[in-house]
Amino acid sequence: MEEAEKYFVGAKGSGMKLDAVIYTTAVRVACMKLDANVACDLLIEMKKMGWVPSEGTFTHVICTCVKQRNLTDAFRLKDEMISSGYSINLVVATSLMKGYCQQGDLINALKLFNKITEDGLTPNKITYAVHIEGCCRNRNMEKAQVLYTQMKARTKNTNIS
């Protein structure tokens, strides 16, 4: 990762014309290093050059922002992702729910959970686990039990993974 970053910075500094694929790779390296600030800055540069990041690139950066507990940028990027023509995917939704749960905001986590199910996304075991863990951490064992029961029922009926 360090070598890729070194080459990118060197090429950029030398005035070499870089394309969207190279920028996307640099964004992913920043995400692998859990450097949300660099990843966000690179996305800004990409947009200034007229490039629209892919859904996967948005997803990587949003998840990195949540891991760094930077929900402000995570939600801003989610909105940019949607305005760029992509739908919220289950990975992004689950990551944002985790961010809410980490902040103790179970109400908004549950609102997002309900919205994605209304929009046709099927929560998987990871999505449920995020909510159940959030409920447990915030001492809402009653809601954790409801979610666990719901997960088991859906798993039995639909074989969600």
N, C-alpha and C. Protein backbone atom coordinates (compact mmCIF):
# COMPACT_ATOMS: atom_id res chain seq x y z
N MET A 1 0.83 -1.19 0.00
CA MET A 1 0.00 0.00 0.00
C MET A 1 0.87 1.26 0.00
N GLU A 2 1.94 1.22 0.79
CA GLU A 2 2.81 2.38 0.88
C GLU A 2 3.46 2.68 -0.47
N GLU A 3 3.85 1.61 -1.17
CA GLU A 3 4.49 1.79 -2.47
C GLU A 3 3.50 2.37 -3.48
N ALA A 4 2.28 1.88 -3.49
CA ALA A 4 1.25 2.40 -4.39
C ALA A 4 1.00 3.87 -4.10
N GLU A 5 0.92 4.20 -2.83
CA GLU A 5 0.70 5.59 -2.44
C GLU A 5 1.88 6.46 -2.89
N LYS A 6 3.10 5.97 -2.72
CA LYS A 6 4.30 6.71 -3.10
C LYS A 6 4.30 7.00 -4.60
N TYR A 7 3.98 5.98 -5.42
CA TYR A 7 3.94 6.17 -6.87
C TYR A 7 2.84 7.15 -7.27
N PHE A 8 1.70 7.06 -6.64
CA PHE A 8 0.60 7.97 -6.95
C PHE A 8 1.00 9.42 -6.66
N VAL A 9 1.53 9.65 -5.47
CA VAL A 9 1.93 11.01 -5.07
C VAL A 9 3.03 11.52 -6.01
N GLY A 10 3.99 10.65 -6.34
CA GLY A 10 5.07 11.05 -7.25
C GLY A 10 4.56 11.40 -8.63
N ALA A 11 3.68 10.57 -9.16
CA ALA A 11 3.13 10.82 -10.50
C ALA A 11 2.30 12.10 -10.51
N LYS A 12 1.52 12.27 -9.48
CA LYS A 12 0.68 13.47 -9.39
C LYS A 12 1.55 14.72 -9.27
N GLY A 13 2.58 14.64 -8.45
CA GLY A 13 3.48 15.77 -8.25
C GLY A 13 4.30 16.12 -9.48
N SER A 14 4.55 15.15 -10.34
CA SER A 14 5.34 15.40 -11.54
C SER A 14 4.51 15.99 -12.67
N GLY A 15 3.21 16.09 -12.46
CA GLY A 15 2.34 16.65 -13.48
C GLY A 15 1.82 15.62 -14.47
N MET A 16 2.11 14.36 -14.21
CA MET A 16 1.62 13.29 -15.09
C MET A 16 0.09 13.31 -15.10
N LYS A 17 -0.48 13.08 -16.28
CA LYS A 17 -1.94 13.05 -16.40
C LYS A 17 -2.44 11.72 -15.85
N LEU A 18 -3.20 11.77 -14.79
CA LEU A 18 -3.75 10.57 -14.15
C LEU A 18 -5.20 10.42 -14.54
N ASP A 19 -5.66 9.19 -14.65
CA ASP A 19 -7.05 8.95 -15.04
C ASP A 19 -7.89 8.49 -13.85
N ALA A 20 -9.16 8.28 -14.11
CA ALA A 20 -10.11 7.91 -13.05
C ALA A 20 -9.76 6.58 -12.40
N VAL A 21 -9.22 5.64 -13.17
CA VAL A 21 -8.86 4.33 -12.63
C VAL A 21 -7.73 4.48 -11.61
N ILE A 22 -6.76 5.31 -11.93
CA ILE A 22 -5.65 5.52 -11.00
C ILE A 22 -6.15 6.19 -9.73
N TYR A 23 -7.03 7.18 -9.88
CA TYR A 23 -7.60 7.84 -8.70
C TYR A 23 -8.42 6.85 -7.87
N THR A 24 -9.19 6.01 -8.53
CA THR A 24 -9.99 5.02 -7.82
C THR A 24 -9.09 4.09 -7.02
N THR A 25 -7.99 3.69 -7.61
CA THR A 25 -7.04 2.83 -6.90
C THR A 25 -6.46 3.56 -5.69
N ALA A 26 -6.13 4.83 -5.86
CA ALA A 26 -5.60 5.62 -4.74
C ALA A 26 -6.63 5.76 -3.62
N VAL A 27 -7.89 5.93 -3.99
CA VAL A 27 -8.96 6.02 -2.99
C VAL A 27 -9.05 4.71 -2.22
N ARG A 28 -9.00 3.60 -2.92
CA ARG A 28 -9.10 2.30 -2.24
C ARG A 28 -7.90 2.04 -1.33
N VAL A 29 -6.72 2.47 -1.75
CA VAL A 29 -5.54 2.34 -0.88
C VAL A 29 -5.74 3.17 0.39
N ALA A 30 -6.24 4.40 0.23
CA ALA A 30 -6.50 5.23 1.40
C ALA A 30 -7.52 4.55 2.33
N CYS A 31 -8.52 3.92 1.75
CA CYS A 31 -9.52 3.21 2.56
C CYS A 31 -8.89 2.02 3.27
N MET A 32 -8.02 1.30 2.58
CA MET A 32 -7.36 0.16 3.21
C MET A 32 -6.49 0.61 4.38
N LYS A 33 -5.95 1.81 4.27
CA LYS A 33 -5.13 2.38 5.36
C LYS A 33 -6.00 3.07 6.41
N LEU A 34 -7.31 3.01 6.22
CA LEU A 34 -8.29 3.66 7.10
C LEU A 34 -8.03 5.16 7.22
N ASP A 35 -7.68 5.78 6.10
CA ASP A 35 -7.46 7.22 6.06
C ASP A 35 -8.62 7.88 5.32
N ALA A 36 -9.69 8.11 6.05
CA ALA A 36 -10.91 8.66 5.46
C ALA A 36 -10.68 10.06 4.91
N ASN A 37 -9.83 10.85 5.56
CA ASN A 37 -9.59 12.22 5.09
C ASN A 37 -8.97 12.23 3.70
N VAL A 38 -7.96 11.40 3.49
CA VAL A 38 -7.32 11.32 2.17
C VAL A 38 -8.32 10.79 1.14
N ALA A 39 -9.06 9.77 1.50
CA ALA A 39 -10.05 9.20 0.58
C ALA A 39 -11.07 10.25 0.17
N CYS A 40 -11.56 11.01 1.12
CA CYS A 40 -12.55 12.07 0.81
C CYS A 40 -11.93 13.16 -0.06
N ASP A 41 -10.69 13.53 0.23
CA ASP A 41 -10.01 14.55 -0.58
C ASP A 41 -9.83 14.07 -2.02
N LEU A 42 -9.49 12.81 -2.19
CA LEU A 42 -9.32 12.26 -3.54
C LEU A 42 -10.65 12.23 -4.29
N LEU A 43 -11.74 11.92 -3.59
CA LEU A 43 -13.05 11.96 -4.24
C LEU A 43 -13.38 13.37 -4.71
N ILE A 44 -13.04 14.35 -3.90
CA ILE A 44 -13.28 15.76 -4.28
C ILE A 44 -12.49 16.09 -5.55
N GLU A 45 -11.22 15.67 -5.59
CA GLU A 45 -10.40 15.90 -6.77
C GLU A 45 -11.01 15.22 -7.99
N MET A 46 -11.49 14.00 -7.82
CA MET A 46 -12.10 13.28 -8.94
C MET A 46 -13.30 14.05 -9.49
N LYS A 47 -14.14 14.55 -8.57
CA LYS A 47 -15.33 15.28 -9.02
C LYS A 47 -14.95 16.57 -9.73
N LYS A 48 -13.88 17.24 -9.26
CA LYS A 48 -13.42 18.46 -9.92
C LYS A 48 -12.98 18.18 -11.36
N MET A 49 -12.50 16.96 -11.61
CA MET A 49 -12.06 16.58 -12.96
C MET A 49 -13.22 16.05 -13.80
N GLY A 50 -14.42 16.04 -13.21
CA GLY A 50 -15.60 15.61 -13.95
C GLY A 50 -15.87 14.13 -13.90
N TRP A 51 -15.18 13.41 -13.04
CA TRP A 51 -15.37 11.97 -12.93
C TRP A 51 -16.36 11.64 -11.83
N VAL A 52 -17.22 10.68 -12.10
CA VAL A 52 -18.17 10.21 -11.10
C VAL A 52 -17.62 8.92 -10.51
N PRO A 53 -17.34 8.90 -9.22
CA PRO A 53 -16.84 7.66 -8.60
C PRO A 53 -17.88 6.55 -8.76
N SER A 54 -17.39 5.32 -8.82
CA SER A 54 -18.28 4.17 -8.95
C SER A 54 -19.02 3.93 -7.63
N GLU A 55 -20.06 3.12 -7.70
CA GLU A 55 -20.80 2.76 -6.49
C GLU A 55 -19.86 2.09 -5.48
N GLY A 56 -18.98 1.24 -5.97
CA GLY A 56 -18.04 0.55 -5.10
C GLY A 56 -17.08 1.50 -4.41
N THR A 57 -16.64 2.52 -5.13
CA THR A 57 -15.74 3.51 -4.54
C THR A 57 -16.46 4.30 -3.45
N PHE A 58 -17.67 4.74 -3.75
CA PHE A 58 -18.47 5.41 -2.71
C PHE A 58 -18.63 4.50 -1.49
N THR A 59 -18.94 3.25 -1.74
CA THR A 59 -19.16 2.30 -0.65
C THR A 59 -17.91 2.17 0.22
N HIS A 60 -16.76 2.02 -0.40
CA HIS A 60 -15.51 1.90 0.36
C HIS A 60 -15.27 3.13 1.24
N VAL A 61 -15.46 4.31 0.68
CA VAL A 61 -15.17 5.53 1.43
C VAL A 61 -16.19 5.73 2.55
N ILE A 62 -17.44 5.46 2.29
CA ILE A 62 -18.47 5.59 3.33
C ILE A 62 -18.16 4.65 4.49
N CYS A 63 -17.84 3.41 4.19
CA CYS A 63 -17.52 2.45 5.24
C CYS A 63 -16.27 2.87 6.02
N THR A 64 -15.29 3.42 5.34
CA THR A 64 -14.09 3.91 6.02
C THR A 64 -14.42 5.08 6.93
N CYS A 65 -15.27 5.98 6.46
CA CYS A 65 -15.68 7.11 7.31
C CYS A 65 -16.37 6.61 8.58
N VAL A 66 -17.26 5.64 8.43
CA VAL A 66 -17.95 5.10 9.61
C VAL A 66 -16.95 4.44 10.56
N LYS A 67 -16.01 3.68 10.01
CA LYS A 67 -14.99 3.04 10.86
C LYS A 67 -14.19 4.08 11.63
N GLN A 68 -14.01 5.25 11.05
CA GLN A 68 -13.29 6.33 11.71
C GLN A 68 -14.22 7.23 12.54
N ARG A 69 -15.47 6.78 12.65
CA ARG A 69 -16.51 7.51 13.40
C ARG A 69 -16.74 8.93 12.87
N ASN A 70 -16.62 9.06 11.56
CA ASN A 70 -16.86 10.33 10.88
C ASN A 70 -18.18 10.22 10.14
N LEU A 71 -19.26 10.30 10.91
CA LEU A 71 -20.59 10.12 10.30
C LEU A 71 -21.00 11.30 9.44
N THR A 72 -20.49 12.48 9.73
CA THR A 72 -20.84 13.65 8.93
C THR A 72 -20.45 13.42 7.48
N ASP A 73 -19.20 13.03 7.24
CA ASP A 73 -18.77 12.76 5.87
C ASP A 73 -19.45 11.52 5.31
N ALA A 74 -19.67 10.51 6.13
CA ALA A 74 -20.33 9.29 5.66
C ALA A 74 -21.72 9.61 5.09
N PHE A 75 -22.49 10.42 5.81
CA PHE A 75 -23.84 10.74 5.33
C PHE A 75 -23.79 11.70 4.15
N ARG A 76 -22.83 12.61 4.14
CA ARG A 76 -22.67 13.50 2.99
C ARG A 76 -22.36 12.68 1.74
N LEU A 77 -21.46 11.70 1.88
CA LEU A 77 -21.11 10.85 0.74
C LEU A 77 -22.27 9.96 0.31
N LYS A 78 -23.06 9.50 1.27
CA LYS A 78 -24.25 8.71 0.92
C LYS A 78 -25.18 9.55 0.06
N ASP A 79 -25.37 10.82 0.43
CA ASP A 79 -26.22 11.71 -0.37
C ASP A 79 -25.63 11.96 -1.75
N GLU A 80 -24.30 12.13 -1.82
CA GLU A 80 -23.64 12.31 -3.12
C GLU A 80 -23.78 11.06 -3.98
N MET A 81 -23.67 9.91 -3.35
CA MET A 81 -23.81 8.65 -4.05
C MET A 81 -25.19 8.56 -4.69
N ILE A 82 -26.20 8.90 -3.93
CA ILE A 82 -27.58 8.87 -4.44
C ILE A 82 -27.78 9.90 -5.54
N SER A 83 -27.24 11.12 -5.34
CA SER A 83 -27.40 12.16 -6.37
C SER A 83 -26.61 11.84 -7.63
N SER A 84 -25.63 10.93 -7.53
CA SER A 84 -24.87 10.49 -8.70
C SER A 84 -25.59 9.38 -9.47
N GLY A 85 -26.76 8.98 -8.98
CA GLY A 85 -27.56 7.99 -9.70
C GLY A 85 -27.52 6.59 -9.13
N TYR A 86 -26.83 6.41 -8.02
CA TYR A 86 -26.76 5.08 -7.41
C TYR A 86 -27.79 4.98 -6.30
N SER A 87 -28.24 3.76 -6.05
CA SER A 87 -29.13 3.51 -4.92
C SER A 87 -28.28 3.12 -3.72
N ILE A 88 -28.81 3.35 -2.55
CA ILE A 88 -28.11 2.91 -1.35
C ILE A 88 -28.09 1.38 -1.37
N ASN A 89 -26.93 0.81 -1.14
CA ASN A 89 -26.83 -0.65 -1.12
C ASN A 89 -26.79 -1.15 0.32
N LEU A 90 -26.89 -2.44 0.49
CA LEU A 90 -26.98 -3.01 1.83
C LEU A 90 -25.71 -2.78 2.64
N VAL A 91 -24.56 -2.79 1.99
CA VAL A 91 -23.30 -2.56 2.70
C VAL A 91 -23.26 -1.14 3.27
N VAL A 92 -23.62 -0.17 2.46
CA VAL A 92 -23.65 1.23 2.91
C VAL A 92 -24.68 1.39 4.02
N ALA A 93 -25.87 0.87 3.80
CA ALA A 93 -26.94 1.01 4.81
C ALA A 93 -26.52 0.38 6.13
N THR A 94 -25.96 -0.82 6.08
CA THR A 94 -25.55 -1.50 7.31
C THR A 94 -24.44 -0.72 8.01
N SER A 95 -23.50 -0.20 7.23
CA SER A 95 -22.42 0.59 7.81
C SER A 95 -22.96 1.85 8.49
N LEU A 96 -23.88 2.54 7.84
CA LEU A 96 -24.47 3.75 8.43
C LEU A 96 -25.26 3.41 9.70
N MET A 97 -25.96 2.28 9.66
CA MET A 97 -26.68 1.84 10.86
C MET A 97 -25.70 1.58 12.01
N LYS A 98 -24.57 0.99 11.68
CA LYS A 98 -23.55 0.74 12.70
C LYS A 98 -23.06 2.06 13.29
N GLY A 99 -22.88 3.05 12.43
CA GLY A 99 -22.47 4.37 12.92
C GLY A 99 -23.48 4.96 13.87
N TYR A 100 -24.75 4.86 13.51
CA TYR A 100 -25.80 5.33 14.42
C TYR A 100 -25.73 4.59 15.75
N CYS A 101 -25.61 3.27 15.67
CA CYS A 101 -25.58 2.46 16.90
C CYS A 101 -24.37 2.82 17.77
N GLN A 102 -23.22 3.07 17.14
CA GLN A 102 -22.03 3.46 17.90
C GLN A 102 -22.25 4.76 18.66
N GLN A 103 -23.09 5.62 18.11
CA GLN A 103 -23.40 6.88 18.77
C GLN A 103 -24.54 6.75 19.76
N GLY A 104 -25.11 5.55 19.85
CA GLY A 104 -26.23 5.34 20.75
C GLY A 104 -27.56 5.81 20.18
N ASP A 105 -27.59 6.07 18.88
CA ASP A 105 -28.79 6.58 18.22
C ASP A 105 -29.56 5.43 17.58
N LEU A 106 -30.22 4.65 18.44
CA LEU A 106 -30.96 3.49 17.94
C LEU A 106 -32.19 3.88 17.14
N ILE A 107 -32.76 5.03 17.44
CA ILE A 107 -33.96 5.48 16.73
C ILE A 107 -33.66 5.68 15.25
N ASN A 108 -32.59 6.42 14.94
CA ASN A 108 -32.26 6.64 13.53
C ASN A 108 -31.74 5.38 12.86
N ALA A 109 -31.05 4.52 13.61
CA ALA A 109 -30.61 3.24 13.05
C ALA A 109 -31.84 2.43 12.63
N LEU A 110 -32.84 2.39 13.48
CA LEU A 110 -34.05 1.63 13.17
C LEU A 110 -34.83 2.29 12.03
N LYS A 111 -34.85 3.62 11.97
CA LYS A 111 -35.52 4.30 10.86
C LYS A 111 -34.87 3.92 9.53
N LEU A 112 -33.53 3.90 9.52
CA LEU A 112 -32.82 3.52 8.29
C LEU A 112 -33.09 2.06 7.95
N PHE A 113 -33.11 1.20 8.96
CA PHE A 113 -33.43 -0.21 8.76
C PHE A 113 -34.81 -0.35 8.11
N ASN A 114 -35.79 0.34 8.65
CA ASN A 114 -37.15 0.29 8.12
C ASN A 114 -37.21 0.84 6.69
N LYS A 115 -36.47 1.93 6.44
CA LYS A 115 -36.48 2.54 5.10
C LYS A 115 -35.92 1.59 4.05
N ILE A 116 -34.80 0.95 4.36
CA ILE A 116 -34.22 0.06 3.34
C ILE A 116 -35.12 -1.14 3.07
N THR A 117 -35.80 -1.64 4.11
CA THR A 117 -36.70 -2.77 3.87
C THR A 117 -37.91 -2.32 3.05
N GLU A 118 -38.39 -1.10 3.31
CA GLU A 118 -39.48 -0.55 2.50
C GLU A 118 -39.05 -0.36 1.05
N ASP A 119 -37.76 -0.01 0.85
CA ASP A 119 -37.23 0.22 -0.49
C ASP A 119 -36.85 -1.07 -1.21
N GLY A 120 -37.05 -2.22 -0.55
CA GLY A 120 -36.83 -3.49 -1.20
C GLY A 120 -35.53 -4.21 -0.89
N LEU A 121 -34.67 -3.62 -0.06
CA LEU A 121 -33.45 -4.33 0.33
C LEU A 121 -33.79 -5.34 1.42
N THR A 122 -33.18 -6.50 1.36
CA THR A 122 -33.41 -7.53 2.37
C THR A 122 -32.24 -7.54 3.34
N PRO A 123 -32.49 -7.19 4.60
CA PRO A 123 -31.41 -7.22 5.59
C PRO A 123 -30.82 -8.62 5.70
N ASN A 124 -29.50 -8.69 5.87
CA ASN A 124 -28.86 -9.99 6.06
C ASN A 124 -28.48 -10.15 7.54
N LYS A 125 -27.81 -11.24 7.85
CA LYS A 125 -27.46 -11.50 9.24
C LYS A 125 -26.54 -10.41 9.80
N ILE A 126 -25.69 -9.85 8.95
CA ILE A 126 -24.80 -8.78 9.42
C ILE A 126 -25.60 -7.55 9.80
N THR A 127 -26.57 -7.19 8.99
CA THR A 127 -27.43 -6.05 9.29
C THR A 127 -28.14 -6.26 10.63
N TYR A 128 -28.70 -7.44 10.80
CA TYR A 128 -29.35 -7.75 12.08
C TYR A 128 -28.36 -7.72 13.23
N ALA A 129 -27.18 -8.29 13.02
CA ALA A 129 -26.18 -8.34 14.09
C ALA A 129 -25.77 -6.94 14.54
N VAL A 130 -25.65 -6.02 13.59
CA VAL A 130 -25.32 -4.63 13.91
C VAL A 130 -26.39 -4.04 14.84
N HIS A 131 -27.65 -4.27 14.48
CA HIS A 131 -28.75 -3.74 15.31
C HIS A 131 -28.82 -4.42 16.67
N ILE A 132 -28.68 -5.71 16.67
CA ILE A 132 -28.76 -6.44 17.95
C ILE A 132 -27.64 -5.99 18.87
N GLU A 133 -26.42 -5.87 18.33
CA GLU A 133 -25.29 -5.40 19.14
C GLU A 133 -25.54 -3.98 19.64
N GLY A 134 -26.06 -3.11 18.77
CA GLY A 134 -26.37 -1.74 19.18
C GLY A 134 -27.40 -1.70 20.30
N CYS A 135 -28.40 -2.54 20.20
CA CYS A 135 -29.42 -2.61 21.26
C CYS A 135 -28.81 -3.09 22.56
N CYS A 136 -27.97 -4.11 22.48
CA CYS A 136 -27.34 -4.65 23.69
C CYS A 136 -26.43 -3.62 24.34
N ARG A 137 -25.63 -2.95 23.54
CA ARG A 137 -24.72 -1.92 24.08
C ARG A 137 -25.48 -0.78 24.75
N ASN A 138 -26.66 -0.52 24.24
CA ASN A 138 -27.46 0.58 24.79
C ASN A 138 -28.56 0.08 25.73
N ARG A 139 -28.39 -1.15 26.19
CA ARG A 139 -29.24 -1.75 27.21
C ARG A 139 -30.72 -1.83 26.83
N ASN A 140 -30.96 -2.06 25.55
CA ASN A 140 -32.33 -2.24 25.09
C ASN A 140 -32.50 -3.71 24.69
N MET A 141 -32.52 -4.57 25.71
CA MET A 141 -32.56 -6.01 25.48
C MET A 141 -33.89 -6.45 24.88
N GLU A 142 -34.93 -5.73 25.17
CA GLU A 142 -36.24 -6.07 24.62
C GLU A 142 -36.22 -5.95 23.09
N LYS A 143 -35.69 -4.84 22.59
CA LYS A 143 -35.61 -4.64 21.14
C LYS A 143 -34.63 -5.63 20.52
N ALA A 144 -33.53 -5.93 21.22
CA ALA A 144 -32.56 -6.91 20.72
C ALA A 144 -33.24 -8.26 20.52
N GLN A 145 -34.09 -8.65 21.48
CA GLN A 145 -34.80 -9.93 21.38
C GLN A 145 -35.78 -9.93 20.21
N VAL A 146 -36.47 -8.81 20.00
CA VAL A 146 -37.41 -8.70 18.88
C VAL A 146 -36.66 -8.86 17.55
N LEU A 147 -35.52 -8.17 17.43
CA LEU A 147 -34.73 -8.26 16.20
C LEU A 147 -34.18 -9.67 15.98
N TYR A 148 -33.74 -10.29 17.06
CA TYR A 148 -33.23 -11.66 16.95
C TYR A 148 -34.33 -12.61 16.46
N THR A 149 -35.50 -12.47 17.04
CA THR A 149 -36.64 -13.31 16.64
C THR A 149 -37.00 -13.06 15.17
N GLN A 150 -37.00 -11.78 14.79
CA GLN A 150 -37.30 -11.43 13.40
C GLN A 150 -36.24 -12.01 12.46
N MET A 151 -34.97 -11.92 12.84
CA MET A 151 -33.89 -12.46 12.02
C MET A 151 -34.05 -13.97 11.85
N LYS A 152 -34.32 -14.67 12.95
CA LYS A 152 -34.47 -16.12 12.88
C LYS A 152 -35.65 -16.51 11.98
N ALA A 153 -36.75 -15.76 12.07
CA ALA A 153 -37.92 -16.06 11.25
C ALA A 153 -37.61 -15.83 9.77
N ARG A 154 -36.92 -14.74 9.48
CA ARG A 154 -36.59 -14.45 8.08
C ARG A 154 -35.56 -15.44 7.55
N THR A 155 -34.62 -15.82 8.40
CA THR A 155 -33.59 -16.80 7.98
C THR A 155 -34.25 -18.12 7.65
N LYS A 156 -35.18 -18.51 8.47
CA LYS A 156 -35.87 -19.78 8.25
C LYS A 156 -36.68 -19.75 6.95
N ASN A 157 -37.32 -18.58 6.68
CA ASN A 157 -38.21 -18.47 5.53
C ASN A 157 -37.51 -18.13 4.23
N THR A 158 -36.36 -17.42 4.31
CA THR A 158 -35.75 -16.94 3.07
C THR A 158 -34.30 -17.32 2.89
N ASN A 159 -33.71 -17.97 3.88
CA ASN A 159 -32.30 -18.33 3.82
C ASN A 159 -31.39 -17.14 3.54
N ILE A 160 -31.63 -16.02 4.27
CA ILE A 160 -30.75 -14.87 4.11
C ILE A 160 -29.37 -15.22 4.62
N SER A 161 -28.38 -14.59 4.04
CA SER A 161 -27.00 -14.86 4.47
C SER A 161 -26.42 -13.72 5.24
